[in-house]
Structure formats: structure tokens, C-alpha cells
Amino acid sequence: MSISDKLKHAAQEMEGKGKQAVGGATGDRETQAEGVKDEKMGQLKGAGDKLKDVAK
């Protein structure tokens, strides 16, 4: 996996955490749920990156 892919996935995870915080602070459950989804997708993609690195 390239460094840029790893950075994109980490950024997606951080963006999700930010959305969760904003959603929680404003009481916007939809934004908060979207943040959880983004964070989990970033984590899954990051795990896939690690598996690909190990398989090399």
C-alpha cells in the first residue's frame, strides 16, 4: 500500500471523529452517525492496508 492511501484512510478516520464531535455538540444525530460511519470506514481501510503489507 502506498503512503498516500494510508494517509487518506487516516484522514477519513479523523474526519469521522470530527463529525462525531460536531454532531454531539450541536445535537445533530445525523451528522454524528455519519461521523461514526466515516471513522469505521477509515479503520477498516487501514486494517486492509496492514493486511496487504503483511502479505507482501
Foldseek 3Di string as FASTA:
>chain_A
DDPVQLVVLVVQLVVLVVQLVVCVVVVPVVSNVVSVVSNVSSVVSNVVVVVVVVVD
